[in-house]
Amino acid sequence: MNTTTTKQDRIASRRAAHHAALETLRAPGCETPGALIWKRLRRIEARAHDAATAQCNGAAYGSQPFRPDWHPDGTEGTDANPTPWEVFADEIRAEVAAIFGGILPAGFAYNQDCRGHALKLRPEKCTVPAGMSTDWGSNGILAAEIDDI
């Protein structure tokens, strides 16, 4: 009997564990499979990360101005008058909530720093599910790239 684990087997095992971890974050009644949750999160991750990168590089992203804390007319954002960046971040949160059946997972954070993953779970605000990929700060990475060990 061959007990050697191949790279593909290790990747498949890590992906399955990550997908199972994502399923634990679903709202009651949501039956979306973990693999589909992950696939949808990857699309949002790409947009969210691209927006953070554009802001870091001093470029606009879509309809957002460069300065995430200002309106194009130079006024500051308020609760009643959010900046385009705040509107975009709220859209990201709403899209993530929709994937999980209408709720944001406990500890969810949209990391707007372009040096890392954008969609995370903060371990100081929740328990990161077992099997979920994490970064060096122990943040859960919702849309992790699991293709190498």
C-alpha atoms as a PDB file:
ATOM      1  CA  MET A   1       0.000   0.000   0.000  1.00  0.00           C
ATOM      2  CA  ASN A   2       1.446   3.383  -1.036  1.00  0.00           C
ATOM      3  CA  THR A   3       1.085   5.989   1.718  1.00  0.00           C
ATOM      4  CA  THR A   4       2.941   8.755  -0.088  1.00  0.00           C
ATOM      5  CA  THR A   5       0.899  11.935  -0.252  1.00  0.00           C
ATOM      6  CA  THR A   6       1.297  13.899  -3.442  1.00  0.00           C
ATOM      7  CA  LYS A   7       1.267  17.670  -3.707  1.00  0.00           C
ATOM      8  CA  GLN A   8      -2.112  17.482  -5.426  1.00  0.00           C
ATOM      9  CA  ASP A   9      -3.485  15.386  -2.540  1.00  0.00           C
ATOM     10  CA  ARG A  10      -2.251  17.929   0.020  1.00  0.00           C
ATOM     11  CA  ILE A  11      -3.773  20.815  -1.926  1.00  0.00           C
ATOM     12  CA  ALA A  12      -7.087  18.954  -2.315  1.00  0.00           C
ATOM     13  CA  SER A  13      -7.130  18.221   1.418  1.00  0.00           C
ATOM     14  CA  ARG A  14      -6.429  21.868   2.344  1.00  0.00           C
ATOM     15  CA  ARG A  15      -9.093  23.084  -0.082  1.00  0.00           C
ATOM     16  CA  ALA A  16     -11.672  20.658   1.325  1.00  0.00           C
ATOM     17  CA  ALA A  17     -10.877  21.804   4.880  1.00  0.00           C
ATOM     18  CA  HIS A  18     -11.137  25.466   3.858  1.00  0.00           C
ATOM     19  CA  HIS A  19     -14.445  24.892   2.069  1.00  0.00           C
ATOM     20  CA  ALA A  20     -15.815  23.074   5.134  1.00  0.00           C
ATOM     21  CA  ALA A  21     -14.692  25.992   7.330  1.00  0.00           C
ATOM     22  CA  LEU A  22     -16.558  28.427   5.055  1.00  0.00           C
ATOM     23  CA  GLU A  23     -19.716  26.327   5.432  1.00  0.00           C
ATOM     24  CA  THR A  24     -19.629  26.854   9.210  1.00  0.00           C
ATOM     25  CA  LEU A  25     -20.027  30.604   8.632  1.00  0.00           C
ATOM     26  CA  ARG A  26     -23.297  30.328   6.665  1.00  0.00           C
ATOM     27  CA  ALA A  27     -26.568  31.714   7.987  1.00  0.00           C
ATOM     28  CA  PRO A  28     -29.096  29.140   9.172  1.00  0.00           C
ATOM     29  CA  GLY A  29     -30.936  27.800   6.151  1.00  0.00           C
ATOM     30  CA  CYS A  30     -28.163  28.714   3.706  1.00  0.00           C
ATOM     31  CA  GLU A  31     -27.013  25.553   1.962  1.00  0.00           C
ATOM     32  CA  THR A  32     -24.497  26.991  -0.501  1.00  0.00           C
ATOM     33  CA  PRO A  33     -21.593  24.534  -0.746  1.00  0.00           C
ATOM     34  CA  GLY A  34     -18.235  25.723   0.572  1.00  0.00           C
ATOM     35  CA  ALA A  35     -16.570  25.411  -2.835  1.00  0.00           C
ATOM     36  CA  LEU A  36     -19.154  27.748  -4.391  1.00  0.00           C
ATOM     37  CA  ILE A  37     -18.853  30.192  -1.474  1.00  0.00           C
ATOM     38  CA  TRP A  38     -15.092  30.223  -2.016  1.00  0.00           C
ATOM     39  CA  LYS A  39     -15.448  30.757  -5.777  1.00  0.00           C
ATOM     40  CA  ARG A  40     -17.771  33.729  -5.268  1.00  0.00           C
ATOM     41  CA  LEU A  41     -15.541  35.186  -2.561  1.00  0.00           C
ATOM     42  CA  ARG A  42     -12.533  34.956  -4.918  1.00  0.00           C
ATOM     43  CA  ARG A  43     -14.320  37.272  -7.369  1.00  0.00           C
ATOM     44  CA  ILE A  44     -15.079  39.811  -4.652  1.00  0.00           C
ATOM     45  CA  GLU A  45     -11.539  39.479  -3.278  1.00  0.00           C
ATOM     46  CA  ALA A  46     -10.112  40.396  -6.687  1.00  0.00           C
ATOM     47  CA  ARG A  47     -12.198  43.585  -6.936  1.00  0.00           C
ATOM     48  CA  ALA A  48     -11.620  44.578  -3.315  1.00  0.00           C
ATOM     49  CA  HIS A  49      -7.873  44.037  -3.598  1.00  0.00           C
ATOM     50  CA  ASP A  50      -7.680  45.912  -6.916  1.00  0.00           C
ATOM     51  CA  ALA A  51      -9.475  48.874  -5.321  1.00  0.00           C
ATOM     52  CA  ALA A  52      -7.092  48.884  -2.349  1.00  0.00           C
ATOM     53  CA  THR A  53      -4.103  48.687  -4.708  1.00  0.00           C
ATOM     54  CA  ALA A  54      -5.409  51.586  -6.795  1.00  0.00           C
ATOM     55  CA  GLN A  55      -5.889  53.714  -3.683  1.00  0.00           C
ATOM     56  CA  CYS A  56      -2.376  52.864  -2.474  1.00  0.00           C
ATOM     57  CA  ASN A  57      -0.921  53.814  -5.858  1.00  0.00           C
ATOM     58  CA  GLY A  58      -2.730  57.134  -5.940  1.00  0.00           C
ATOM     59  CA  ALA A  59      -5.166  56.110  -8.647  1.00  0.00           C
ATOM     60  CA  ALA A  60      -8.931  56.212  -8.780  1.00  0.00           C
ATOM     61  CA  TYR A  61     -10.831  52.930  -8.920  1.00  0.00           C
ATOM     62  CA  GLY A  62     -14.064  52.985 -10.830  1.00  0.00           C
ATOM     63  CA  SER A  63     -16.027  55.997  -9.613  1.00  0.00           C
ATOM     64  CA  GLN A  64     -13.891  56.450  -6.497  1.00  0.00           C
ATOM     65  CA  PRO A  65     -11.545  59.393  -6.199  1.00  0.00           C
ATOM     66  CA  PHE A  66      -7.973  58.780  -5.096  1.00  0.00           C
ATOM     67  CA  ARG A  67      -8.384  60.122  -1.568  1.00  0.00           C
ATOM     68  CA  PRO A  68     -10.615  57.590   0.184  1.00  0.00           C
ATOM     69  CA  ASP A  69     -11.473  60.081   2.970  1.00  0.00           C
ATOM     70  CA  TRP A  70     -12.659  62.890   0.665  1.00  0.00           C
ATOM     71  CA  HIS A  71     -15.395  63.510  -1.869  1.00  0.00           C
ATOM     72  CA  PRO A  72     -14.455  64.619  -5.371  1.00  0.00           C
ATOM     73  CA  ASP A  73     -15.677  68.111  -4.440  1.00  0.00           C
ATOM     74  CA  GLY A  74     -13.168  68.257  -1.537  1.00  0.00           C
ATOM     75  CA  THR A  75     -15.616  67.792   1.326  1.00  0.00           C
ATOM     76  CA  GLU A  76     -15.096  65.212   4.034  1.00  0.00           C
ATOM     77  CA  GLY A  77     -17.299  62.181   4.393  1.00  0.00           C
ATOM     78  CA  THR A  78     -19.903  61.963   7.133  1.00  0.00           C
ATOM     79  CA  ASP A  79     -22.445  59.333   8.132  1.00  0.00           C
ATOM     80  CA  ALA A  80     -25.068  61.241   6.158  1.00  0.00           C
ATOM     81  CA  ASN A  81     -22.709  61.884   3.238  1.00  0.00           C
ATOM     82  CA  PRO A  82     -20.344  58.893   2.914  1.00  0.00           C
ATOM     83  CA  THR A  83     -17.311  59.044   0.660  1.00  0.00           C
ATOM     84  CA  PRO A  84     -17.273  56.953  -2.528  1.00  0.00           C
ATOM     85  CA  TRP A  85     -14.755  54.667  -0.789  1.00  0.00           C
ATOM     86  CA  GLU A  86     -17.144  54.102   2.135  1.00  0.00           C
ATOM     87  CA  VAL A  87     -19.941  53.339  -0.328  1.00  0.00           C
ATOM     88  CA  PHE A  88     -17.676  50.833  -2.122  1.00  0.00           C
ATOM     89  CA  ALA A  89     -16.662  49.178   1.173  1.00  0.00           C
ATOM     90  CA  ASP A  90     -20.337  48.863   2.130  1.00  0.00           C
ATOM     91  CA  GLU A  91     -21.033  47.230  -1.248  1.00  0.00           C
ATOM     92  CA  ILE A  92     -18.233  44.718  -0.605  1.00  0.00           C
ATOM     93  CA  ARG A  93     -19.690  43.918   2.834  1.00  0.00           C
ATOM     94  CA  ALA A  94     -23.180  43.491   1.354  1.00  0.00           C
ATOM     95  CA  GLU A  95     -21.890  41.141  -1.354  1.00  0.00           C
ATOM     96  CA  VAL A  96     -20.047  39.030   1.214  1.00  0.00           C
ATOM     97  CA  ALA A  97     -23.131  38.903   3.452  1.00  0.00           C
ATOM     98  CA  ALA A  98     -25.267  37.765   0.508  1.00  0.00           C
ATOM     99  CA  ILE A  99     -22.915  34.862  -0.173  1.00  0.00           C
ATOM    100  CA  PHE A 100     -23.283  33.629   3.400  1.00  0.00           C
ATOM    101  CA  GLY A 101     -27.081  33.789   3.319  1.00  0.00           C
ATOM    102  CA  GLY A 102     -27.623  37.381   4.374  1.00  0.00           C
ATOM    103  CA  ILE A 103     -25.232  37.731   7.295  1.00  0.00           C
ATOM    104  CA  LEU A 104     -21.655  38.895   7.588  1.00  0.00           C
ATOM    105  CA  PRO A 105     -19.584  36.310   9.427  1.00  0.00           C
ATOM    106  CA  ALA A 106     -18.605  37.344  12.947  1.00  0.00           C
ATOM    107  CA  GLY A 107     -15.255  39.092  12.886  1.00  0.00           C
ATOM    108  CA  PHE A 108     -15.455  39.984   9.178  1.00  0.00           C
ATOM    109  CA  ALA A 109     -13.167  42.786   8.055  1.00  0.00           C
ATOM    110  CA  TYR A 110     -12.513  44.350   4.684  1.00  0.00           C
ATOM    111  CA  ASN A 111      -8.771  44.884   4.813  1.00  0.00           C
ATOM    112  CA  GLN A 112      -8.106  47.949   2.682  1.00  0.00           C
ATOM    113  CA  ASP A 113      -4.328  47.499   2.848  1.00  0.00           C
ATOM    114  CA  CYS A 114      -3.176  46.284  -0.563  1.00  0.00           C
ATOM    115  CA  ARG A 115      -0.314  44.240   0.915  1.00  0.00           C
ATOM    116  CA  GLY A 116      -2.550  41.373   1.943  1.00  0.00           C
ATOM    117  CA  HIS A 117      -5.829  39.644   1.366  1.00  0.00           C
ATOM    118  CA  ALA A 118      -8.894  41.899   1.445  1.00  0.00           C
ATOM    119  CA  LEU A 119     -11.556  39.622   2.949  1.00  0.00           C
ATOM    120  CA  LYS A 120     -10.616  38.440   6.419  1.00  0.00           C
ATOM    121  CA  LEU A 121     -11.854  37.262   9.792  1.00  0.00           C
ATOM    122  CA  ARG A 122     -10.190  39.008  12.725  1.00  0.00           C
ATOM    123  CA  PRO A 123      -9.213  36.482  15.421  1.00  0.00           C
ATOM    124  CA  GLU A 124      -9.625  39.076  18.179  1.00  0.00           C
ATOM    125  CA  LYS A 125     -13.321  39.364  17.239  1.00  0.00           C
ATOM    126  CA  CYS A 126     -14.200  35.724  16.523  1.00  0.00           C
ATOM    127  CA  THR A 127     -12.928  32.186  16.486  1.00  0.00           C
ATOM    128  CA  VAL A 128     -11.468  31.455  13.076  1.00  0.00           C
ATOM    129  CA  PRO A 129     -12.948  28.090  12.023  1.00  0.00           C
ATOM    130  CA  ALA A 130     -10.633  25.099  12.064  1.00  0.00           C
ATOM    131  CA  GLY A 131      -9.353  24.297   8.589  1.00  0.00           C
ATOM    132  CA  MET A 132      -9.516  27.880   7.327  1.00  0.00           C
ATOM    133  CA  SER A 133      -6.358  29.289   5.804  1.00  0.00           C
ATOM    134  CA  THR A 134      -4.793  32.051   7.877  1.00  0.00           C
ATOM    135  CA  ASP A 135      -2.156  34.712   7.389  1.00  0.00           C
ATOM    136  CA  TRP A 136       0.839  35.466   9.604  1.00  0.00           C
ATOM    137  CA  GLY A 137      -1.373  37.497  11.949  1.00  0.00           C
ATOM    138  CA  SER A 138      -3.747  34.531  12.425  1.00  0.00           C
ATOM    139  CA  ASN A 139      -6.485  36.317  10.459  1.00  0.00           C
ATOM    140  CA  GLY A 140      -8.807  33.949   8.647  1.00  0.00           C
ATOM    141  CA  ILE A 141      -8.504  34.424   4.889  1.00  0.00           C
ATOM    142  CA  LEU A 142     -11.949  33.931   3.385  1.00  0.00           C
ATOM    143  CA  ALA A 143     -10.847  33.800  -0.261  1.00  0.00           C
ATOM    144  CA  ALA A 144      -7.507  32.080   0.194  1.00  0.00           C
ATOM    145  CA  GLU A 145      -5.464  30.880  -2.762  1.00  0.00           C
ATOM    146  CA  ILE A 146      -4.804  27.257  -1.986  1.00  0.00           C
ATOM    147  CA  ASP A 147      -2.541  26.008  -4.712  1.00  0.00           C
ATOM    148  CA  ASP A 148       0.788  25.333  -3.018  1.00  0.00           C
ATOM    149  CA  ILE A 149       2.205  24.350   0.343  1.00  0.00           C
END
